[in-house]
Amino acid sequence: MTLREQAQMTSRVRHALRAFQGAQVAYLSAHRKLKNQPLTEVDAFWDGPGLRLEADLRISAKELMEAFAAFSTAGLTASASDRHLVTEAQRTLQLGSG
């Protein structure tokens, strides 16, 4: 593998990590904002705009898993904090939502 290919894989993983973190922040922020709100408002949110947040979280988790798989297969290593995010992405996909 060339240095250029390694750099491209690293860049893909970094981008996927940032996207997943951003999706997590948006998802968790929505949960916090809805805390103590009437159940009807909470349900309306998750039946509407919240669906997009959940989809974004799953999409970014899937991309992170794919990018990390290629990264690892190439023999490259990630930091512990990055591996922790990969584990969170895997958990997100296993649970089917955030």
PDB file of N, CA and C in Angstrom:
ATOM      1  N   MET A   1       0.843  -1.167   0.000  1.00  0.00           N
ATOM      2  CA  MET A   1       0.000   0.000   0.000  1.00  0.00           C
ATOM      3  C   MET A   1       0.899   1.244   0.000  1.00  0.00           C
ATOM      4  N   THR A   2       0.545   2.171  -0.848  1.00  0.00           N
ATOM      5  CA  THR A   2       1.344   3.395  -0.949  1.00  0.00           C
ATOM      6  C   THR A   2       0.988   4.366   0.183  1.00  0.00           C
ATOM      7  N   LEU A   3       1.854   5.324   0.385  1.00  0.00           N
ATOM      8  CA  LEU A   3       1.582   6.350   1.393  1.00  0.00           C
ATOM      9  C   LEU A   3       0.332   7.149   1.028  1.00  0.00           C
ATOM     10  N   ARG A   4       0.128   7.348  -0.245  1.00  0.00           N
ATOM     11  CA  ARG A   4      -1.065   8.084  -0.693  1.00  0.00           C
ATOM     12  C   ARG A   4      -2.335   7.313  -0.344  1.00  0.00           C
ATOM     13  N   GLU A   5      -2.341   6.010  -0.567  1.00  0.00           N
ATOM     14  CA  GLU A   5      -3.497   5.183  -0.226  1.00  0.00           C
ATOM     15  C   GLU A   5      -3.747   5.178   1.281  1.00  0.00           C
ATOM     16  N   GLN A   6      -2.674   5.120   2.051  1.00  0.00           N
ATOM     17  CA  GLN A   6      -2.819   5.182   3.502  1.00  0.00           C
ATOM     18  C   GLN A   6      -3.424   6.512   3.930  1.00  0.00           C
ATOM     19  N   ALA A   7      -2.961   7.576   3.319  1.00  0.00           N
ATOM     20  CA  ALA A   7      -3.488   8.903   3.640  1.00  0.00           C
ATOM     21  C   ALA A   7      -4.965   9.007   3.273  1.00  0.00           C
ATOM     22  N   GLN A   8      -5.340   8.426   2.145  1.00  0.00           N
ATOM     23  CA  GLN A   8      -6.753   8.451   1.738  1.00  0.00           C
ATOM     24  C   GLN A   8      -7.619   7.657   2.712  1.00  0.00           C
ATOM     25  N   MET A   9      -7.149   6.508   3.137  1.00  0.00           N
ATOM     26  CA  MET A   9      -7.904   5.705   4.105  1.00  0.00           C
ATOM     27  C   MET A   9      -8.018   6.424   5.441  1.00  0.00           C
ATOM     28  N   THR A  10      -6.937   7.025   5.868  1.00  0.00           N
ATOM     29  CA  THR A  10      -6.948   7.766   7.126  1.00  0.00           C
ATOM     30  C   THR A  10      -7.918   8.939   7.041  1.00  0.00           C
ATOM     31  N   SER A  11      -7.893   9.627   5.919  1.00  0.00           N
ATOM     32  CA  SER A  11      -8.803  10.755   5.716  1.00  0.00           C
ATOM     33  C   SER A  11     -10.260  10.295   5.742  1.00  0.00           C
ATOM     34  N   ARG A  12     -10.531   9.175   5.110  1.00  0.00           N
ATOM     35  CA  ARG A  12     -11.907   8.646   5.102  1.00  0.00           C
ATOM     36  C   ARG A  12     -12.367   8.312   6.517  1.00  0.00           C
ATOM     37  N   VAL A  13     -11.500   7.690   7.292  1.00  0.00           N
ATOM     38  CA  VAL A  13     -11.855   7.342   8.675  1.00  0.00           C
ATOM     39  C   VAL A  13     -12.069   8.611   9.486  1.00  0.00           C
ATOM     40  N   ARG A  14     -11.180   9.581   9.346  1.00  0.00           N
ATOM     41  CA  ARG A  14     -11.324  10.845  10.092  1.00  0.00           C
ATOM     42  C   ARG A  14     -12.643  11.536   9.749  1.00  0.00           C
ATOM     43  N   HIS A  15     -12.968  11.577   8.479  1.00  0.00           N
ATOM     44  CA  HIS A  15     -14.225  12.197   8.044  1.00  0.00           C
ATOM     45  C   HIS A  15     -15.420  11.435   8.627  1.00  0.00           C
ATOM     46  N   ALA A  16     -15.359  10.112   8.586  1.00  0.00           N
ATOM     47  CA  ALA A  16     -16.450   9.287   9.115  1.00  0.00           C
ATOM     48  C   ALA A  16     -16.589   9.451  10.624  1.00  0.00           C
ATOM     49  N   LEU A  17     -15.466   9.574  11.313  1.00  0.00           N
ATOM     50  CA  LEU A  17     -15.505   9.794  12.761  1.00  0.00           C
ATOM     51  C   LEU A  17     -16.184  11.124  13.084  1.00  0.00           C
ATOM     52  N   ARG A  18     -15.812  12.186  12.352  1.00  0.00           N
ATOM     53  CA  ARG A  18     -16.420  13.505  12.590  1.00  0.00           C
ATOM     54  C   ARG A  18     -17.913  13.492  12.281  1.00  0.00           C
ATOM     55  N   ALA A  19     -18.290  12.827  11.194  1.00  0.00           N
ATOM     56  CA  ALA A  19     -19.706  12.761  10.831  1.00  0.00           C
ATOM     57  C   ALA A  19     -20.504  12.007  11.888  1.00  0.00           C
ATOM     58  N   PHE A  20     -19.965  10.908  12.372  1.00  0.00           N
ATOM     59  CA  PHE A  20     -20.657  10.132  13.397  1.00  0.00           C
ATOM     60  C   PHE A  20     -20.777  10.932  14.685  1.00  0.00           C
ATOM     61  N   GLN A  21     -19.694  11.593  15.087  1.00  0.00           N
ATOM     62  CA  GLN A  21     -19.752  12.416  16.300  1.00  0.00           C
ATOM     63  C   GLN A  21     -20.797  13.525  16.156  1.00  0.00           C
ATOM     64  N   GLY A  22     -20.846  14.151  14.997  1.00  0.00           N
ATOM     65  CA  GLY A  22     -21.835  15.200  14.765  1.00  0.00           C
ATOM     66  C   GLY A  22     -23.255  14.671  14.841  1.00  0.00           C
ATOM     67  N   ALA A  23     -23.474  13.505  14.267  1.00  0.00           N
ATOM     68  CA  ALA A  23     -24.804  12.896  14.313  1.00  0.00           C
ATOM     69  C   ALA A  23     -25.175  12.516  15.743  1.00  0.00           C
ATOM     70  N   GLN A  24     -24.199  12.039  16.502  1.00  0.00           N
ATOM     71  CA  GLN A  24     -24.452  11.712  17.910  1.00  0.00           C
ATOM     72  C   GLN A  24     -24.844  12.959  18.696  1.00  0.00           C
ATOM     73  N   VAL A  25     -24.128  14.041  18.482  1.00  0.00           N
ATOM     74  CA  VAL A  25     -24.412  15.287  19.195  1.00  0.00           C
ATOM     75  C   VAL A  25     -25.826  15.769  18.870  1.00  0.00           C
ATOM     76  N   ALA A  26     -26.190  15.748  17.605  1.00  0.00           N
ATOM     77  CA  ALA A  26     -27.531  16.188  17.209  1.00  0.00           C
ATOM     78  C   ALA A  26     -28.606  15.308  17.834  1.00  0.00           C
ATOM     79  N   TYR A  27     -28.386  14.002  17.814  1.00  0.00           N
ATOM     80  CA  TYR A  27     -29.343  13.049  18.365  1.00  0.00           C
ATOM     81  C   TYR A  27     -29.501  13.229  19.878  1.00  0.00           C
ATOM     82  N   LEU A  28     -28.370  13.314  20.579  1.00  0.00           N
ATOM     83  CA  LEU A  28     -28.422  13.468  22.031  1.00  0.00           C
ATOM     84  C   LEU A  28     -28.960  14.842  22.440  1.00  0.00           C
ATOM     85  N   SER A  29     -28.659  15.859  21.661  1.00  0.00           N
ATOM     86  CA  SER A  29     -29.195  17.198  21.936  1.00  0.00           C
ATOM     87  C   SER A  29     -30.709  17.199  21.818  1.00  0.00           C
ATOM     88  N   ALA A  30     -31.213  16.513  20.815  1.00  0.00           N
ATOM     89  CA  ALA A  30     -32.668  16.420  20.647  1.00  0.00           C
ATOM     90  C   ALA A  30     -33.293  15.732  21.858  1.00  0.00           C
ATOM     91  N   HIS A  31     -32.667  14.668  22.327  1.00  0.00           N
ATOM     92  CA  HIS A  31     -33.178  13.982  23.519  1.00  0.00           C
ATOM     93  C   HIS A  31     -33.215  14.919  24.727  1.00  0.00           C
ATOM     94  N   ARG A  32     -32.136  15.699  24.893  1.00  0.00           N
ATOM     95  CA  ARG A  32     -32.084  16.627  26.035  1.00  0.00           C
ATOM     96  C   ARG A  32     -33.156  17.712  25.922  1.00  0.00           C
ATOM     97  N   LYS A  33     -33.342  18.243  24.726  1.00  0.00           N
ATOM     98  CA  LYS A  33     -34.331  19.305  24.523  1.00  0.00           C
ATOM     99  C   LYS A  33     -35.751  18.802  24.769  1.00  0.00           C
ATOM    100  N   LEU A  34     -35.979  17.535  24.493  1.00  0.00           N
ATOM    101  CA  LEU A  34     -37.320  16.969  24.650  1.00  0.00           C
ATOM    102  C   LEU A  34     -37.608  16.512  26.074  1.00  0.00           C
ATOM    103  N   LYS A  35     -36.573  16.506  26.900  1.00  0.00           N
ATOM    104  CA  LYS A  35     -36.755  16.080  28.285  1.00  0.00           C
ATOM    105  C   LYS A  35     -37.760  17.022  28.957  1.00  0.00           C
ATOM    106  N   ASN A  36     -38.672  16.444  29.688  1.00  0.00           N
ATOM    107  CA  ASN A  36     -39.727  17.189  30.409  1.00  0.00           C
ATOM    108  C   ASN A  36     -40.766  17.837  29.494  1.00  0.00           C
ATOM    109  N   GLN A  37     -40.765  17.485  28.224  1.00  0.00           N
ATOM    110  CA  GLN A  37     -41.796  17.976  27.309  1.00  0.00           C
ATOM    111  C   GLN A  37     -42.992  17.017  27.344  1.00  0.00           C
ATOM    112  N   PRO A  38     -44.164  17.520  26.976  1.00  0.00           N
ATOM    113  CA  PRO A  38     -45.332  16.623  26.933  1.00  0.00           C
ATOM    114  C   PRO A  38     -45.091  15.459  25.957  1.00  0.00           C
ATOM    115  N   LEU A  39     -45.619  14.316  26.315  1.00  0.00           N
ATOM    116  CA  LEU A  39     -45.416  13.116  25.510  1.00  0.00           C
ATOM    117  C   LEU A  39     -45.883  13.304  24.068  1.00  0.00           C
ATOM    118  N   THR A  40     -46.947  14.055  23.874  1.00  0.00           N
ATOM    119  CA  THR A  40     -47.433  14.279  22.507  1.00  0.00           C
ATOM    120  C   THR A  40     -46.400  15.026  21.667  1.00  0.00           C
ATOM    121  N   GLU A  41     -45.711  15.999  22.271  1.00  0.00           N
ATOM    122  CA  GLU A  41     -44.662  16.727  21.543  1.00  0.00           C
ATOM    123  C   GLU A  41     -43.467  15.828  21.246  1.00  0.00           C
ATOM    124  N   VAL A  42     -43.116  15.011  22.205  1.00  0.00           N
ATOM    125  CA  VAL A  42     -41.993  14.090  22.025  1.00  0.00           C
ATOM    126  C   VAL A  42     -42.304  13.115  20.895  1.00  0.00           C
ATOM    127  N   ASP A  43     -43.484  12.527  20.938  1.00  0.00           N
ATOM    128  CA  ASP A  43     -43.888  11.580  19.886  1.00  0.00           C
ATOM    129  C   ASP A  43     -43.939  12.253  18.531  1.00  0.00           C
ATOM    130  N   ALA A  44     -44.467  13.465  18.477  1.00  0.00           N
ATOM    131  CA  ALA A  44     -44.551  14.191  17.199  1.00  0.00           C
ATOM    132  C   ALA A  44     -43.151  14.452  16.645  1.00  0.00           C
ATOM    133  N   PHE A  45     -42.227  14.796  17.517  1.00  0.00           N
ATOM    134  CA  PHE A  45     -40.860  15.048  17.057  1.00  0.00           C
ATOM    135  C   PHE A  45     -40.238  13.782  16.481  1.00  0.00           C
ATOM    136  N   TRP A  46     -40.324  12.667  17.223  1.00  0.00           N
ATOM    137  CA  TRP A  46     -39.676  11.440  16.758  1.00  0.00           C
ATOM    138  C   TRP A  46     -40.399  10.805  15.578  1.00  0.00           C
ATOM    139  N   ASP A  47     -41.659  11.183  15.355  1.00  0.00           N
ATOM    140  CA  ASP A  47     -42.379  10.709  14.170  1.00  0.00           C
ATOM    141  C   ASP A  47     -42.116  11.604  12.964  1.00  0.00           C
ATOM    142  N   GLY A  48     -41.500  12.757  13.190  1.00  0.00           N
ATOM    143  CA  GLY A  48     -41.227  13.711  12.116  1.00  0.00           C
ATOM    144  C   GLY A  48     -39.738  13.962  11.974  1.00  0.00           C
ATOM    145  N   PRO A  49     -39.285  15.135  12.426  1.00  0.00           N
ATOM    146  CA  PRO A  49     -37.869  15.495  12.262  1.00  0.00           C
ATOM    147  C   PRO A  49     -36.906  14.514  12.922  1.00  0.00           C
ATOM    148  N   GLY A  50     -37.345  13.879  13.987  1.00  0.00           N
ATOM    149  CA  GLY A  50     -36.486  12.928  14.678  1.00  0.00           C
ATOM    150  C   GLY A  50     -36.133  11.718  13.823  1.00  0.00           C
ATOM    151  N   LEU A  51     -36.998  11.383  12.884  1.00  0.00           N
ATOM    152  CA  LEU A  51     -36.699  10.263  11.985  1.00  0.00           C
ATOM    153  C   LEU A  51     -35.427  10.536  11.191  1.00  0.00           C
ATOM    154  N   ARG A  52     -35.267  11.805  10.781  1.00  0.00           N
ATOM    155  CA  ARG A  52     -34.074  12.176  10.012  1.00  0.00           C
ATOM    156  C   ARG A  52     -32.821  12.097  10.887  1.00  0.00           C
ATOM    157  N   LEU A  53     -32.938  12.523  12.135  1.00  0.00           N
ATOM    158  CA  LEU A  53     -31.796  12.427  13.050  1.00  0.00           C
ATOM    159  C   LEU A  53     -31.372  10.974  13.237  1.00  0.00           C
ATOM    160  N   GLU A  54     -32.357  10.100  13.417  1.00  0.00           N
ATOM    161  CA  GLU A  54     -32.056   8.672  13.582  1.00  0.00           C
ATOM    162  C   GLU A  54     -31.424   8.103  12.317  1.00  0.00           C
ATOM    163  N   ALA A  55     -31.952   8.485  11.157  1.00  0.00           N
ATOM    164  CA  ALA A  55     -31.397   8.005   9.888  1.00  0.00           C
ATOM    165  C   ALA A  55     -29.963   8.501   9.711  1.00  0.00           C
ATOM    166  N   ASP A  56     -29.724   9.773  10.017  1.00  0.00           N
ATOM    167  CA  ASP A  56     -28.368  10.324   9.903  1.00  0.00           C
ATOM    168  C   ASP A  56     -27.400   9.579  10.818  1.00  0.00           C
ATOM    169  N   LEU A  57     -27.850   9.259  12.010  1.00  0.00           N
ATOM    170  CA  LEU A  57     -27.007   8.538  12.957  1.00  0.00           C
ATOM    171  C   LEU A  57     -26.659   7.150  12.413  1.00  0.00           C
ATOM    172  N   ARG A  58     -27.653   6.449  11.894  1.00  0.00           N
ATOM    173  CA  ARG A  58     -27.399   5.107  11.337  1.00  0.00           C
ATOM    174  C   ARG A  58     -26.501   5.171  10.102  1.00  0.00           C
ATOM    175  N   ILE A  59     -26.750   6.140   9.226  1.00  0.00           N
ATOM    176  CA  ILE A  59     -25.944   6.271   8.006  1.00  0.00           C
ATOM    177  C   ILE A  59     -24.488   6.562   8.359  1.00  0.00           C
ATOM    178  N   SER A  60     -24.288   7.479   9.300  1.00  0.00           N
ATOM    179  CA  SER A  60     -22.912   7.822   9.673  1.00  0.00           C
ATOM    180  C   SER A  60     -22.239   6.657  10.401  1.00  0.00           C
ATOM    181  N   ALA A  61     -22.992   5.903  11.176  1.00  0.00           N
ATOM    182  CA  ALA A  61     -22.434   4.730  11.852  1.00  0.00           C
ATOM    183  C   ALA A  61     -22.006   3.680  10.829  1.00  0.00           C
ATOM    184  N   LYS A  62     -22.841   3.474   9.826  1.00  0.00           N
ATOM    185  CA  LYS A  62     -22.524   2.481   8.785  1.00  0.00           C
ATOM    186  C   LYS A  62     -21.270   2.890   8.014  1.00  0.00           C
ATOM    187  N   GLU A  63     -21.174   4.166   7.655  1.00  0.00           N
ATOM    188  CA  GLU A  63     -19.993   4.640   6.933  1.00  0.00           C
ATOM    189  C   GLU A  63     -18.741   4.500   7.792  1.00  0.00           C
ATOM    190  N   LEU A  64     -18.846   4.798   9.068  1.00  0.00           N
ATOM    191  CA  LEU A  64     -17.697   4.651   9.958  1.00  0.00           C
ATOM    192  C   LEU A  64     -17.260   3.196  10.028  1.00  0.00           C
ATOM    193  N   MET A  65     -18.204   2.292  10.136  1.00  0.00           N
ATOM    194  CA  MET A  65     -17.860   0.861  10.202  1.00  0.00           C
ATOM    195  C   MET A  65     -17.166   0.416   8.911  1.00  0.00           C
ATOM    196  N   GLU A  66     -17.669   0.857   7.781  1.00  0.00           N
ATOM    197  CA  GLU A  66     -17.063   0.484   6.496  1.00  0.00           C
ATOM    198  C   GLU A  66     -15.664   1.075   6.349  1.00  0.00           C
ATOM    199  N   ALA A  67     -15.521   2.350   6.692  1.00  0.00           N
ATOM    200  CA  ALA A  67     -14.222   3.012   6.584  1.00  0.00           C
ATOM    201  C   ALA A  67     -13.213   2.359   7.530  1.00  0.00           C
ATOM    202  N   PHE A  68     -13.655   2.062   8.740  1.00  0.00           N
ATOM    203  CA  PHE A  68     -12.754   1.466   9.720  1.00  0.00           C
ATOM    204  C   PHE A  68     -12.365   0.045   9.311  1.00  0.00           C
ATOM    205  N   ALA A  69     -13.288  -0.701   8.722  1.00  0.00           N
ATOM    206  CA  ALA A  69     -12.962  -2.054   8.270  1.00  0.00           C
ATOM    207  C   ALA A  69     -11.859  -2.020   7.218  1.00  0.00           C
ATOM    208  N   ALA A  70     -11.964  -1.113   6.259  1.00  0.00           N
ATOM    209  CA  ALA A  70     -10.928  -0.984   5.229  1.00  0.00           C
ATOM    210  C   ALA A  70      -9.607  -0.524   5.846  1.00  0.00           C
ATOM    211  N   PHE A  71      -9.692   0.405   6.761  1.00  0.00           N
ATOM    212  CA  PHE A  71      -8.534   0.940   7.464  1.00  0.00           C
ATOM    213  C   PHE A  71      -7.809  -0.181   8.210  1.00  0.00           C
ATOM    214  N   SER A  72      -8.550  -0.983   8.931  1.00  0.00           N
ATOM    215  CA  SER A  72      -7.964  -2.081   9.710  1.00  0.00           C
ATOM    216  C   SER A  72      -7.411  -3.174   8.819  1.00  0.00           C
ATOM    217  N   THR A  73      -8.135  -3.495   7.760  1.00  0.00           N
ATOM    218  CA  THR A  73      -7.681  -4.522   6.830  1.00  0.00           C
ATOM    219  C   THR A  73      -6.344  -4.143   6.211  1.00  0.00           C
ATOM    220  N   ALA A  74      -6.135  -2.855   6.026  1.00  0.00           N
ATOM    221  CA  ALA A  74      -4.873  -2.370   5.465  1.00  0.00           C
ATOM    222  C   ALA A  74      -3.744  -2.409   6.486  1.00  0.00           C
ATOM    223  N   GLY A  75      -4.061  -2.804   7.721  1.00  0.00           N
ATOM    224  CA  GLY A  75      -3.040  -2.906   8.746  1.00  0.00           C
ATOM    225  C   GLY A  75      -2.778  -1.607   9.490  1.00  0.00           C
ATOM    226  N   LEU A  76      -3.633  -0.616   9.288  1.00  0.00           N
ATOM    227  CA  LEU A  76      -3.471   0.656   9.980  1.00  0.00           C
ATOM    228  C   LEU A  76      -4.128   0.566  11.352  1.00  0.00           C
ATOM    229  N   THR A  77      -3.650   1.352  12.293  1.00  0.00           N
ATOM    230  CA  THR A  77      -4.183   1.304  13.653  1.00  0.00           C
ATOM    231  C   THR A  77      -4.774   2.649  14.046  1.00  0.00           C
ATOM    232  N   ALA A  78      -5.741   2.580  14.935  1.00  0.00           N
ATOM    233  CA  ALA A  78      -6.442   3.775  15.405  1.00  0.00           C
ATOM    234  C   ALA A  78      -6.195   3.961  16.898  1.00  0.00           C
ATOM    235  N   SER A  79      -6.437   5.174  17.355  1.00  0.00           N
ATOM    236  CA  SER A  79      -6.287   5.467  18.780  1.00  0.00           C
ATOM    237  C   SER A  79      -7.430   4.817  19.564  1.00  0.00           C
ATOM    238  N   ALA A  80      -7.251   4.763  20.860  1.00  0.00           N
ATOM    239  CA  ALA A  80      -8.279   4.182  21.726  1.00  0.00           C
ATOM    240  C   ALA A  80      -9.581   4.970  21.638  1.00  0.00           C
ATOM    241  N   SER A  81      -9.499   6.285  21.582  1.00  0.00           N
ATOM    242  CA  SER A  81     -10.724   7.093  21.504  1.00  0.00           C
ATOM    243  C   SER A  81     -11.450   6.868  20.177  1.00  0.00           C
ATOM    244  N   ASP A  82     -10.691   6.691  19.096  1.00  0.00           N
ATOM    245  CA  ASP A  82     -11.320   6.399  17.813  1.00  0.00           C
ATOM    246  C   ASP A  82     -11.960   5.015  17.826  1.00  0.00           C
ATOM    247  N   ARG A  83     -11.289   4.052  18.434  1.00  0.00           N
ATOM    248  CA  ARG A  83     -11.859   2.697  18.527  1.00  0.00           C
ATOM    249  C   ARG A  83     -13.125   2.709  19.384  1.00  0.00           C
ATOM    250  N   HIS A  84     -13.146   3.568  20.394  1.00  0.00           N
ATOM    251  CA  HIS A  84     -14.344   3.700  21.224  1.00  0.00           C
ATOM    252  C   HIS A  84     -15.519   4.192  20.377  1.00  0.00           C
ATOM    253  N   LEU A  85     -15.278   5.171  19.518  1.00  0.00           N
ATOM    254  CA  LEU A  85     -16.345   5.656  18.636  1.00  0.00           C
ATOM    255  C   LEU A  85     -16.798   4.574  17.659  1.00  0.00           C
ATOM    256  N   VAL A  86     -15.871   3.782  17.186  1.00  0.00           N
ATOM    257  CA  VAL A  86     -16.229   2.676  16.295  1.00  0.00           C
ATOM    258  C   VAL A  86     -17.132   1.688  17.035  1.00  0.00           C
ATOM    259  N   THR A  87     -16.808   1.414  18.286  1.00  0.00           N
ATOM    260  CA  THR A  87     -17.650   0.530  19.098  1.00  0.00           C
ATOM    261  C   THR A  87     -19.040   1.125  19.281  1.00  0.00           C
ATOM    262  N   GLU A  88     -19.121   2.428  19.506  1.00  0.00           N
ATOM    263  CA  GLU A  88     -20.422   3.090  19.627  1.00  0.00           C
ATOM    264  C   GLU A  88     -21.199   3.003  18.318  1.00  0.00           C
ATOM    265  N   ALA A  89     -20.506   3.147  17.200  1.00  0.00           N
ATOM    266  CA  ALA A  89     -21.166   3.036  15.899  1.00  0.00           C
ATOM    267  C   ALA A  89     -21.705   1.624  15.703  1.00  0.00           C
ATOM    268  N   GLN A  90     -20.910   0.642  16.080  1.00  0.00           N
ATOM    269  CA  GLN A  90     -21.344  -0.748  15.967  1.00  0.00           C
ATOM    270  C   GLN A  90     -22.584  -0.986  16.831  1.00  0.00           C
ATOM    271  N   ARG A  91     -22.571  -0.466  18.035  1.00  0.00           N
ATOM    272  CA  ARG A  91     -23.714  -0.604  18.945  1.00  0.00           C
ATOM    273  C   ARG A  91     -24.955   0.079  18.357  1.00  0.00           C
ATOM    274  N   THR A  92     -24.759   1.234  17.773  1.00  0.00           N
ATOM    275  CA  THR A  92     -25.865   1.957  17.138  1.00  0.00           C
ATOM    276  C   THR A  92     -26.517   1.091  16.063  1.00  0.00           C
ATOM    277  N   LEU A  93     -25.702   0.478  15.249  1.00  0.00           N
ATOM    278  CA  LEU A  93     -26.245  -0.369  14.176  1.00  0.00           C
ATOM    279  C   LEU A  93     -26.924  -1.617  14.731  1.00  0.00           C
ATOM    280  N   GLN A  94     -26.358  -2.179  15.785  1.00  0.00           N
ATOM    281  CA  GLN A  94     -26.969  -3.371  16.383  1.00  0.00           C
ATOM    282  C   GLN A  94     -28.315  -3.059  17.003  1.00  0.00           C
ATOM    283  N   LEU A  95     -28.442  -1.883  17.593  1.00  0.00           N
ATOM    284  CA  LEU A  95     -29.696  -1.493  18.233  1.00  0.00           C
ATOM    285  C   LEU A  95     -30.743  -1.021  17.222  1.00  0.00           C
ATOM    286  N   GLY A  96     -30.284  -0.666  16.033  1.00  0.00           N
ATOM    287  CA  GLY A  96     -31.226  -0.234  15.001  1.00  0.00           C
ATOM    288  C   GLY A  96     -31.574   1.230  15.080  1.00  0.00           C
ATOM    289  N   SER A  97     -31.067   1.952  16.059  1.00  0.00           N
ATOM    290  CA  SER A  97     -31.264   3.392  16.161  1.00  0.00           C
ATOM    291  C   SER A  97     -30.226   3.924  17.122  1.00  0.00           C
ATOM    292  N   GLY A  98     -30.385   5.213  17.495  1.00  0.00           N
ATOM    293  CA  GLY A  98     -29.439   5.829  18.431  1.00  0.00           C
ATOM    294  C   GLY A  98     -29.736   5.396  19.781  1.00  0.00           C
TER     295      GLY A  98
END
